[in-house]
């Protein structure tokens, strides 16, 4: 998986995607999701590193079947809040303090 972290005024923004969705566009009805290199491009890491990044995230955008499934398995995302966009999955995390 690919992870990109950015520090913002609101906290840590984490973008996670499966390697095979980077650069792809997914559509479902009027919804369109483009997984850009600019936003999602980062370091290729193992699942443990993804979990560590999500644990520290204030906001996270997660795209790709495996990435979203991992976030669900680890309790970061509720499966009911996952969007199917074309042939992939998308979820967002917002941690409020």
PDB file of N, CA and C in Angstrom:
ATOM      1  N   UNK A   1       0.832  -1.174   0.000  1.00  0.00           N
ATOM      2  CA  UNK A   1       0.000   0.000   0.000  1.00  0.00           C
ATOM      3  C   UNK A   1       0.879   1.240   0.000  1.00  0.00           C
ATOM      4  N   UNK A   2       0.289   2.333  -0.390  1.00  0.00           N
ATOM      5  CA  UNK A   2       1.007   3.600  -0.465  1.00  0.00           C
ATOM      6  C   UNK A   2       0.424   4.550   0.578  1.00  0.00           C
ATOM      7  N   UNK A   3       1.301   5.192   1.334  1.00  0.00           N
ATOM      8  CA  UNK A   3       0.886   6.134   2.373  1.00  0.00           C
ATOM      9  C   UNK A   3       1.597   7.458   2.160  1.00  0.00           C
ATOM     10  N   UNK A   4       0.821   8.537   2.306  1.00  0.00           N
ATOM     11  CA  UNK A   4       1.383   9.879   2.287  1.00  0.00           C
ATOM     12  C   UNK A   4       0.850  10.617   3.504  1.00  0.00           C
ATOM     13  N   UNK A   5       1.744  11.209   4.277  1.00  0.00           N
ATOM     14  CA  UNK A   5       1.368  11.956   5.469  1.00  0.00           C
ATOM     15  C   UNK A   5       1.691  13.427   5.280  1.00  0.00           C
ATOM     16  N   UNK A   6       0.782  14.288   5.778  1.00  0.00           N
ATOM     17  CA  UNK A   6       1.008  15.736   5.741  1.00  0.00           C
ATOM     18  C   UNK A   6       0.563  16.319   7.073  1.00  0.00           C
ATOM     19  N   UNK A   7       1.383  17.161   7.649  1.00  0.00           N
ATOM     20  CA  UNK A   7       0.985  17.899   8.845  1.00  0.00           C
ATOM     21  C   UNK A   7       0.207  19.124   8.401  1.00  0.00           C
ATOM     22  N   UNK A   8      -0.964  19.342   8.994  1.00  0.00           N
ATOM     23  CA  UNK A   8      -1.781  20.512   8.695  1.00  0.00           C
ATOM     24  C   UNK A   8      -2.076  21.233  10.005  1.00  0.00           C
ATOM     25  N   UNK A   9      -2.697  22.395   9.920  1.00  0.00           N
ATOM     26  CA  UNK A   9      -3.072  23.124  11.130  1.00  0.00           C
ATOM     27  C   UNK A   9      -4.078  22.336  11.954  1.00  0.00           C
ATOM     28  N   UNK A  10      -4.856  21.494  11.301  1.00  0.00           N
ATOM     29  CA  UNK A  10      -5.870  20.702  11.987  1.00  0.00           C
ATOM     30  C   UNK A  10      -5.337  19.370  12.509  1.00  0.00           C
ATOM     31  N   UNK A  11      -4.114  18.999  12.149  1.00  0.00           N
ATOM     32  CA  UNK A  11      -3.541  17.728  12.584  1.00  0.00           C
ATOM     33  C   UNK A  11      -2.953  16.963  11.413  1.00  0.00           C
ATOM     34  N   UNK A  12      -2.743  15.675  11.610  1.00  0.00           N
ATOM     35  CA  UNK A  12      -2.102  14.833  10.604  1.00  0.00           C
ATOM     36  C   UNK A  12      -3.123  14.325   9.580  1.00  0.00           C
ATOM     37  N   UNK A  13      -2.873  14.644   8.317  1.00  0.00           N
ATOM     38  CA  UNK A  13      -3.684  14.160   7.201  1.00  0.00           C
ATOM     39  C   UNK A  13      -2.952  12.979   6.583  1.00  0.00           C
ATOM     40  N   UNK A  14      -3.629  11.840   6.500  1.00  0.00           N
ATOM     41  CA  UNK A  14      -3.036  10.623   5.945  1.00  0.00           C
ATOM     42  C   UNK A  14      -3.844  10.195   4.724  1.00  0.00           C
ATOM     43  N   UNK A  15      -3.152   9.913   3.637  1.00  0.00           N
ATOM     44  CA  UNK A  15      -3.763   9.366   2.425  1.00  0.00           C
ATOM     45  C   UNK A  15      -3.196   7.963   2.224  1.00  0.00           C
ATOM     46  N   UNK A  16      -4.082   6.997   2.067  1.00  0.00           N
ATOM     47  CA  UNK A  16      -3.678   5.606   1.886  1.00  0.00           C
ATOM     48  C   UNK A  16      -4.377   5.061   0.647  1.00  0.00           C
ATOM     49  N   UNK A  17      -3.630   4.338  -0.188  1.00  0.00           N
ATOM     50  CA  UNK A  17      -4.273   3.662  -1.319  1.00  0.00           C
ATOM     51  C   UNK A  17      -3.549   2.370  -1.645  1.00  0.00           C
ATOM     52  N   UNK A  18      -4.290   1.472  -2.278  1.00  0.00           N
ATOM     53  CA  UNK A  18      -3.674   0.265  -2.832  1.00  0.00           C
ATOM     54  C   UNK A  18      -2.781   0.707  -3.991  1.00  0.00           C
ATOM     55  N   UNK A  19      -1.690   0.003  -4.193  1.00  0.00           N
ATOM     56  CA  UNK A  19      -0.765   0.366  -5.270  1.00  0.00           C
ATOM     57  C   UNK A  19      -1.422   0.350  -6.645  1.00  0.00           C
ATOM     58  N   UNK A  20      -2.332  -0.592  -6.871  1.00  0.00           N
ATOM     59  CA  UNK A  20      -2.911  -0.738  -8.209  1.00  0.00           C
ATOM     60  C   UNK A  20      -3.979   0.301  -8.542  1.00  0.00           C
ATOM     61  N   UNK A  21      -4.378   1.156  -7.600  1.00  0.00           N
ATOM     62  CA  UNK A  21      -5.389   2.176  -7.905  1.00  0.00           C
ATOM     63  C   UNK A  21      -4.785   3.555  -8.135  1.00  0.00           C
ATOM     64  N   UNK A  22      -3.497   3.721  -7.825  1.00  0.00           N
ATOM     65  CA  UNK A  22      -2.850   5.024  -8.016  1.00  0.00           C
ATOM     66  C   UNK A  22      -2.885   5.405  -9.493  1.00  0.00           C
ATOM     67  N   UNK A  23      -3.384   6.599  -9.768  1.00  0.00           N
ATOM     68  CA  UNK A  23      -3.488   7.084 -11.140  1.00  0.00           C
ATOM     69  C   UNK A  23      -4.795   6.728 -11.829  1.00  0.00           C
ATOM     70  N   UNK A  24      -5.637   5.954 -11.162  1.00  0.00           N
ATOM     71  CA  UNK A  24      -6.901   5.507 -11.751  1.00  0.00           C
ATOM     72  C   UNK A  24      -8.054   6.454 -11.386  1.00  0.00           C
ATOM     73  N   UNK A  25      -9.095   6.431 -12.205  1.00  0.00           N
ATOM     74  CA  UNK A  25     -10.339   7.156 -11.930  1.00  0.00           C
ATOM     75  C   UNK A  25     -11.471   6.145 -11.844  1.00  0.00           C
ATOM     76  N   UNK A  26     -12.292   6.294 -10.813  1.00  0.00           N
ATOM     77  CA  UNK A  26     -13.419   5.397 -10.573  1.00  0.00           C
ATOM     78  C   UNK A  26     -14.691   6.228 -10.574  1.00  0.00           C
ATOM     79  N   UNK A  27     -15.752   5.669 -11.151  1.00  0.00           N
ATOM     80  CA  UNK A  27     -17.014   6.394 -11.229  1.00  0.00           C
ATOM     81  C   UNK A  27     -18.168   5.507 -10.798  1.00  0.00           C
ATOM     82  N   UNK A  28     -19.128   6.129 -10.135  1.00  0.00           N
ATOM     83  CA  UNK A  28     -20.351   5.457  -9.707  1.00  0.00           C
ATOM     84  C   UNK A  28     -21.463   6.497  -9.780  1.00  0.00           C
ATOM     85  N   UNK A  29     -22.306   6.390 -10.805  1.00  0.00           N
ATOM     86  CA  UNK A  29     -23.334   7.412 -11.008  1.00  0.00           C
ATOM     87  C   UNK A  29     -22.677   8.761 -11.266  1.00  0.00           C
ATOM     88  N   UNK A  30     -23.069   9.759 -10.488  1.00  0.00           N
ATOM     89  CA  UNK A  30     -22.488  11.098 -10.636  1.00  0.00           C
ATOM     90  C   UNK A  30     -21.191  11.270  -9.850  1.00  0.00           C
ATOM     91  N   UNK A  31     -20.831  10.285  -9.050  1.00  0.00           N
ATOM     92  CA  UNK A  31     -19.629  10.347  -8.225  1.00  0.00           C
ATOM     93  C   UNK A  31     -18.409   9.900  -9.025  1.00  0.00           C
ATOM     94  N   UNK A  32     -17.353  10.702  -8.959  1.00  0.00           N
ATOM     95  CA  UNK A  32     -16.102  10.372  -9.634  1.00  0.00           C
ATOM     96  C   UNK A  32     -14.949  10.552  -8.648  1.00  0.00           C
ATOM     97  N   UNK A  33     -14.050   9.589  -8.600  1.00  0.00           N
ATOM     98  CA  UNK A  33     -12.908   9.620  -7.693  1.00  0.00           C
ATOM     99  C   UNK A  33     -11.642   9.343  -8.486  1.00  0.00           C
ATOM    100  N   UNK A  34     -10.740  10.315  -8.509  1.00  0.00           N
ATOM    101  CA  UNK A  34      -9.450  10.141  -9.171  1.00  0.00           C
ATOM    102  C   UNK A  34      -8.369  10.037  -8.102  1.00  0.00           C
ATOM    103  N   UNK A  35      -7.607   8.960  -8.145  1.00  0.00           N
ATOM    104  CA  UNK A  35      -6.559   8.692  -7.163  1.00  0.00           C
ATOM    105  C   UNK A  35      -5.257   9.274  -7.719  1.00  0.00           C
ATOM    106  N   UNK A  36      -5.036  10.555  -7.446  1.00  0.00           N
ATOM    107  CA  UNK A  36      -3.913  11.268  -8.047  1.00  0.00           C
ATOM    108  C   UNK A  36      -2.593  11.004  -7.332  1.00  0.00           C
ATOM    109  N   UNK A  37      -1.538  11.058  -8.103  1.00  0.00           N
ATOM    110  CA  UNK A  37      -0.179  10.957  -7.567  1.00  0.00           C
ATOM    111  C   UNK A  37       0.076  12.105  -6.588  1.00  0.00           C
ATOM    112  N   UNK A  38      -0.418  13.281  -6.923  1.00  0.00           N
ATOM    113  CA  UNK A  38      -0.198  14.468  -6.089  1.00  0.00           C
ATOM    114  C   UNK A  38      -0.737  14.278  -4.673  1.00  0.00           C
ATOM    115  N   UNK A  39      -1.942  13.706  -4.556  1.00  0.00           N
ATOM    116  CA  UNK A  39      -2.550  13.555  -3.237  1.00  0.00           C
ATOM    117  C   UNK A  39      -2.169  12.242  -2.561  1.00  0.00           C
ATOM    118  N   UNK A  40      -2.198  11.142  -3.296  1.00  0.00           N
ATOM    119  CA  UNK A  40      -1.998   9.812  -2.713  1.00  0.00           C
ATOM    120  C   UNK A  40      -0.580   9.271  -2.872  1.00  0.00           C
ATOM    121  N   UNK A  41       0.204   9.834  -3.781  1.00  0.00           N
ATOM    122  CA  UNK A  41       1.542   9.308  -4.023  1.00  0.00           C
ATOM    123  C   UNK A  41       2.447   9.516  -2.825  1.00  0.00           C
ATOM    124  N   UNK A  42       3.070   8.464  -2.377  1.00  0.00           N
ATOM    125  CA  UNK A  42       3.941   8.548  -1.201  1.00  0.00           C
ATOM    126  C   UNK A  42       4.845   7.350  -1.157  1.00  0.00           C
ATOM    127  N   UNK A  43       4.999   6.806   0.027  1.00  0.00           N
ATOM    128  CA  UNK A  43       5.885   5.670   0.234  1.00  0.00           C
ATOM    129  C   UNK A  43       5.100   4.355   0.196  1.00  0.00           C
ATOM    130  N   UNK A  44       5.674   3.360  -0.457  1.00  0.00           N
ATOM    131  CA  UNK A  44       5.100   2.020  -0.435  1.00  0.00           C
ATOM    132  C   UNK A  44       5.523   1.374   0.886  1.00  0.00           C
ATOM    133  N   UNK A  45       4.511   0.954   1.662  1.00  0.00           N
ATOM    134  CA  UNK A  45       4.787   0.450   3.009  1.00  0.00           C
ATOM    135  C   UNK A  45       4.025  -0.843   3.258  1.00  0.00           C
ATOM    136  N   UNK A  46       4.366  -1.507   4.375  1.00  0.00           N
ATOM    137  CA  UNK A  46       3.652  -2.722   4.761  1.00  0.00           C
ATOM    138  C   UNK A  46       2.408  -2.366   5.584  1.00  0.00           C
ATOM    139  N   UNK A  47       1.595  -3.375   5.869  1.00  0.00           N
ATOM    140  CA  UNK A  47       0.346  -3.138   6.583  1.00  0.00           C
ATOM    141  C   UNK A  47       0.570  -2.542   7.968  1.00  0.00           C
ATOM    142  N   UNK A  48       1.625  -2.942   8.639  1.00  0.00           N
ATOM    143  CA  UNK A  48       1.919  -2.397   9.968  1.00  0.00           C
ATOM    144  C   UNK A  48       2.137  -0.892   9.931  1.00  0.00           C
ATOM    145  N   UNK A  49       2.807  -0.420   8.897  1.00  0.00           N
ATOM    146  CA  UNK A  49       3.038   1.019   8.754  1.00  0.00           C
ATOM    147  C   UNK A  49       1.750   1.764   8.438  1.00  0.00           C
ATOM    148  N   UNK A  50       0.870   1.138   7.647  1.00  0.00           N
ATOM    149  CA  UNK A  50      -0.435   1.739   7.363  1.00  0.00           C
ATOM    150  C   UNK A  50      -1.217   1.883   8.665  1.00  0.00           C
ATOM    151  N   UNK A  51      -1.241   0.834   9.464  1.00  0.00           N
ATOM    152  CA  UNK A  51      -1.953   0.861  10.741  1.00  0.00           C
ATOM    153  C   UNK A  51      -1.391   1.963  11.642  1.00  0.00           C
ATOM    154  N   UNK A  52      -0.073   2.091  11.702  1.00  0.00           N
ATOM    155  CA  UNK A  52       0.565   3.126  12.514  1.00  0.00           C
ATOM    156  C   UNK A  52       0.148   4.526  12.045  1.00  0.00           C
ATOM    157  N   UNK A  53       0.147   4.741  10.738  1.00  0.00           N
ATOM    158  CA  UNK A  53      -0.248   6.047  10.203  1.00  0.00           C
ATOM    159  C   UNK A  53      -1.707   6.349  10.511  1.00  0.00           C
ATOM    160  N   UNK A  54      -2.591   5.372  10.325  1.00  0.00           N
ATOM    161  CA  UNK A  54      -4.005   5.588  10.601  1.00  0.00           C
ATOM    162  C   UNK A  54      -4.252   5.838  12.087  1.00  0.00           C
ATOM    163  N   UNK A  55      -3.473   5.195  12.951  1.00  0.00           N
ATOM    164  CA  UNK A  55      -3.626   5.393  14.393  1.00  0.00           C
ATOM    165  C   UNK A  55      -3.272   6.820  14.809  1.00  0.00           C
ATOM    166  N   UNK A  56      -2.378   7.454  14.069  1.00  0.00           N
ATOM    167  CA  UNK A  56      -1.949   8.820  14.387  1.00  0.00           C
ATOM    168  C   UNK A  56      -2.725   9.884  13.629  1.00  0.00           C
ATOM    169  N   UNK A  57      -3.545   9.480  12.660  1.00  0.00           N
ATOM    170  CA  UNK A  57      -4.224  10.422  11.767  1.00  0.00           C
ATOM    171  C   UNK A  57      -5.345  11.186  12.467  1.00  0.00           C
ATOM    172  N   UNK A  58      -5.451  12.461  12.126  1.00  0.00           N
ATOM    173  CA  UNK A  58      -6.615  13.259  12.495  1.00  0.00           C
ATOM    174  C   UNK A  58      -7.659  13.110  11.404  1.00  0.00           C
ATOM    175  N   UNK A  59      -7.185  13.106  10.152  1.00  0.00           N
ATOM    176  CA  UNK A  59      -8.034  12.916   8.970  1.00  0.00           C
ATOM    177  C   UNK A  59      -7.337  11.906   8.070  1.00  0.00           C
ATOM    178  N   UNK A  60      -8.105  10.982   7.498  1.00  0.00           N
ATOM    179  CA  UNK A  60      -7.522  10.021   6.557  1.00  0.00           C
ATOM    180  C   UNK A  60      -8.476   9.793   5.395  1.00  0.00           C
ATOM    181  N   UNK A  61      -7.902   9.682   4.206  1.00  0.00           N
ATOM    182  CA  UNK A  61      -8.612   9.290   2.993  1.00  0.00           C
ATOM    183  C   UNK A  61      -8.019   7.952   2.571  1.00  0.00           C
ATOM    184  N   UNK A  62      -8.880   6.969   2.371  1.00  0.00           N
ATOM    185  CA  UNK A  62      -8.431   5.608   2.106  1.00  0.00           C
ATOM    186  C   UNK A  62      -9.133   5.098   0.853  1.00  0.00           C
ATOM    187  N   UNK A  63      -8.342   4.637  -0.120  1.00  0.00           N
ATOM    188  CA  UNK A  63      -8.906   4.143  -1.380  1.00  0.00           C
ATOM    189  C   UNK A  63      -8.272   2.792  -1.719  1.00  0.00           C
ATOM    190  N   UNK A  64      -9.110   1.888  -2.200  1.00  0.00           N
ATOM    191  CA  UNK A  64      -8.634   0.574  -2.618  1.00  0.00           C
ATOM    192  C   UNK A  64      -9.238  -0.491  -1.725  1.00  0.00           C
ATOM    193  N   UNK A  65      -9.557  -1.604  -2.307  1.00  0.00           N
ATOM    194  CA  UNK A  65     -10.233  -2.667  -1.577  1.00  0.00           C
ATOM    195  C   UNK A  65      -9.429  -3.138  -0.373  1.00  0.00           C
ATOM    196  N   UNK A  66      -8.164  -3.446  -0.561  1.00  0.00           N
ATOM    197  CA  UNK A  66      -7.344  -3.961   0.548  1.00  0.00           C
ATOM    198  C   UNK A  66      -7.128  -2.896   1.617  1.00  0.00           C
ATOM    199  N   UNK A  67      -6.837  -1.660   1.219  1.00  0.00           N
ATOM    200  CA  UNK A  67      -6.591  -0.593   2.188  1.00  0.00           C
ATOM    201  C   UNK A  67      -7.821  -0.353   3.054  1.00  0.00           C
ATOM    202  N   UNK A  68      -8.988  -0.296   2.424  1.00  0.00           N
ATOM    203  CA  UNK A  68     -10.228  -0.070   3.182  1.00  0.00           C
ATOM    204  C   UNK A  68     -10.530  -1.280   4.064  1.00  0.00           C
ATOM    205  N   UNK A  69     -10.354  -2.484   3.551  1.00  0.00           N
ATOM    206  CA  UNK A  69     -10.587  -3.684   4.360  1.00  0.00           C
ATOM    207  C   UNK A  69      -9.686  -3.694   5.593  1.00  0.00           C
ATOM    208  N   UNK A  70      -8.424  -3.299   5.444  1.00  0.00           N
ATOM    209  CA  UNK A  70      -7.502  -3.243   6.572  1.00  0.00           C
ATOM    210  C   UNK A  70      -7.987  -2.227   7.606  1.00  0.00           C
ATOM    211  N   UNK A  71      -8.438  -1.064   7.141  1.00  0.00           N
ATOM    212  CA  UNK A  71      -8.943  -0.033   8.054  1.00  0.00           C
ATOM    213  C   UNK A  71     -10.171  -0.527   8.818  1.00  0.00           C
ATOM    214  N   UNK A  72     -11.012  -1.318   8.159  1.00  0.00           N
ATOM    215  CA  UNK A  72     -12.181  -1.904   8.827  1.00  0.00           C
ATOM    216  C   UNK A  72     -11.729  -2.938   9.852  1.00  0.00           C
ATOM    217  N   UNK A  73     -10.826  -3.851   9.437  1.00  0.00           N
ATOM    218  CA  UNK A  73     -10.332  -4.907  10.322  1.00  0.00           C
ATOM    219  C   UNK A  73      -9.706  -4.343  11.591  1.00  0.00           C
ATOM    220  N   UNK A  74      -9.018  -3.214  11.457  1.00  0.00           N
ATOM    221  CA  UNK A  74      -8.314  -2.611  12.591  1.00  0.00           C
ATOM    222  C   UNK A  74      -9.184  -1.646  13.396  1.00  0.00           C
ATOM    223  N   UNK A  75     -10.457  -1.494  12.994  1.00  0.00           N
ATOM    224  CA  UNK A  75     -11.387  -0.691  13.765  1.00  0.00           C
ATOM    225  C   UNK A  75     -11.350   0.810  13.518  1.00  0.00           C
ATOM    226  N   UNK A  76     -10.671   1.230  12.454  1.00  0.00           N
ATOM    227  CA  UNK A  76     -10.612   2.660  12.140  1.00  0.00           C
ATOM    228  C   UNK A  76     -11.867   3.123  11.401  1.00  0.00           C
ATOM    229  N   UNK A  77     -12.455   2.238  10.619  1.00  0.00           N
ATOM    230  CA  UNK A  77     -13.597   2.561   9.761  1.00  0.00           C
ATOM    231  C   UNK A  77     -14.724   1.568  10.040  1.00  0.00           C
ATOM    232  N   UNK A  78     -15.947   2.072  10.107  1.00  0.00           N
ATOM    233  CA  UNK A  78     -17.129   1.219  10.202  1.00  0.00           C
ATOM    234  C   UNK A  78     -17.546   0.848   8.781  1.00  0.00           C
ATOM    235  N   UNK A  79     -17.745  -0.422   8.550  1.00  0.00           N
ATOM    236  CA  UNK A  79     -18.073  -0.904   7.211  1.00  0.00           C
ATOM    237  C   UNK A  79     -19.297  -0.199   6.618  1.00  0.00           C
ATOM    238  N   UNK A  80     -20.216   0.239   7.463  1.00  0.00           N
ATOM    239  CA  UNK A  80     -21.424   0.929   6.991  1.00  0.00           C
ATOM    240  C   UNK A  80     -21.109   2.279   6.359  1.00  0.00           C
ATOM    241  N   UNK A  81     -19.916   2.815   6.615  1.00  0.00           N
ATOM    242  CA  UNK A  81     -19.532   4.125   6.098  1.00  0.00           C
ATOM    243  C   UNK A  81     -18.628   4.062   4.868  1.00  0.00           C
ATOM    244  N   UNK A  82     -18.512   2.895   4.269  1.00  0.00           N
ATOM    245  CA  UNK A  82     -17.647   2.702   3.103  1.00  0.00           C
ATOM    246  C   UNK A  82     -18.451   2.926   1.829  1.00  0.00           C
ATOM    247  N   UNK A  83     -17.861   3.655   0.900  1.00  0.00           N
ATOM    248  CA  UNK A  83     -18.480   3.878  -0.404  1.00  0.00           C
ATOM    249  C   UNK A  83     -17.882   2.930  -1.431  1.00  0.00           C
ATOM    250  N   UNK A  84     -18.739   2.350  -2.258  1.00  0.00           N
ATOM    251  CA  UNK A  84     -18.274   1.620  -3.430  1.00  0.00           C
ATOM    252  C   UNK A  84     -18.286   2.607  -4.580  1.00  0.00           C
ATOM    253  N   UNK A  85     -17.116   2.828  -5.162  1.00  0.00           N
ATOM    254  CA  UNK A  85     -16.999   3.742  -6.293  1.00  0.00           C
ATOM    255  C   UNK A  85     -16.457   2.933  -7.463  1.00  0.00           C
ATOM    256  N   UNK A  86     -17.332   2.597  -8.389  1.00  0.00           N
ATOM    257  CA  UNK A  86     -16.915   1.728  -9.486  1.00  0.00           C
ATOM    258  C   UNK A  86     -16.461   0.396  -8.932  1.00  0.00           C
ATOM    259  N   UNK A  87     -15.219   0.033  -9.242  1.00  0.00           N
ATOM    260  CA  UNK A  87     -14.689  -1.265  -8.822  1.00  0.00           C
ATOM    261  C   UNK A  87     -13.809  -1.185  -7.584  1.00  0.00           C
ATOM    262  N   UNK A  88     -13.842  -0.061  -6.865  1.00  0.00           N
ATOM    263  CA  UNK A  88     -13.000   0.059  -5.683  1.00  0.00           C
ATOM    264  C   UNK A  88     -13.805   0.565  -4.499  1.00  0.00           C
ATOM    265  N   UNK A  89     -13.153   0.639  -3.355  1.00  0.00           N
ATOM    266  CA  UNK A  89     -13.766   1.132  -2.121  1.00  0.00           C
ATOM    267  C   UNK A  89     -13.090   2.423  -1.688  1.00  0.00           C
ATOM    268  N   UNK A  90     -13.861   3.276  -1.013  1.00  0.00           N
ATOM    269  CA  UNK A  90     -13.337   4.550  -0.508  1.00  0.00           C
ATOM    270  C   UNK A  90     -13.920   4.798   0.878  1.00  0.00           C
ATOM    271  N   UNK A  91     -13.094   5.276   1.785  1.00  0.00           N
ATOM    272  CA  UNK A  91     -13.554   5.633   3.124  1.00  0.00           C
ATOM    273  C   UNK A  91     -12.765   6.831   3.616  1.00  0.00           C
ATOM    274  N   UNK A  92     -13.387   7.578   4.506  1.00  0.00           N
ATOM    275  CA  UNK A  92     -12.722   8.713   5.134  1.00  0.00           C
ATOM    276  C   UNK A  92     -12.818   8.569   6.642  1.00  0.00           C
ATOM    277  N   UNK A  93     -11.788   9.040   7.307  1.00  0.00           N
ATOM    278  CA  UNK A  93     -11.708   9.015   8.761  1.00  0.00           C
ATOM    279  C   UNK A  93     -11.550  10.449   9.231  1.00  0.00           C
ATOM    280  N   UNK A  94     -12.338  10.848  10.221  1.00  0.00           N
ATOM    281  CA  UNK A  94     -12.181  12.147  10.859  1.00  0.00           C
ATOM    282  C   UNK A  94     -12.229  11.911  12.348  1.00  0.00           C
ATOM    283  N   UNK A  95     -11.108  12.176  13.010  1.00  0.00           N
ATOM    284  CA  UNK A  95     -11.013  11.982  14.448  1.00  0.00           C
ATOM    285  C   UNK A  95     -11.160  13.354  15.101  1.00  0.00           C
ATOM    286  N   UNK A  96     -12.187  13.486  15.932  1.00  0.00           N
ATOM    287  CA  UNK A  96     -12.450  14.759  16.589  1.00  0.00           C
ATOM    288  C   UNK A  96     -12.038  14.679  18.043  1.00  0.00           C
ATOM    289  N   UNK A  97     -11.316  15.692  18.490  1.00  0.00           N
ATOM    290  CA  UNK A  97     -10.831  15.714  19.879  1.00  0.00           C
ATOM    291  C   UNK A  97     -11.565  16.755  20.677  1.00  0.00           C
TER     292      UNK A  97
END
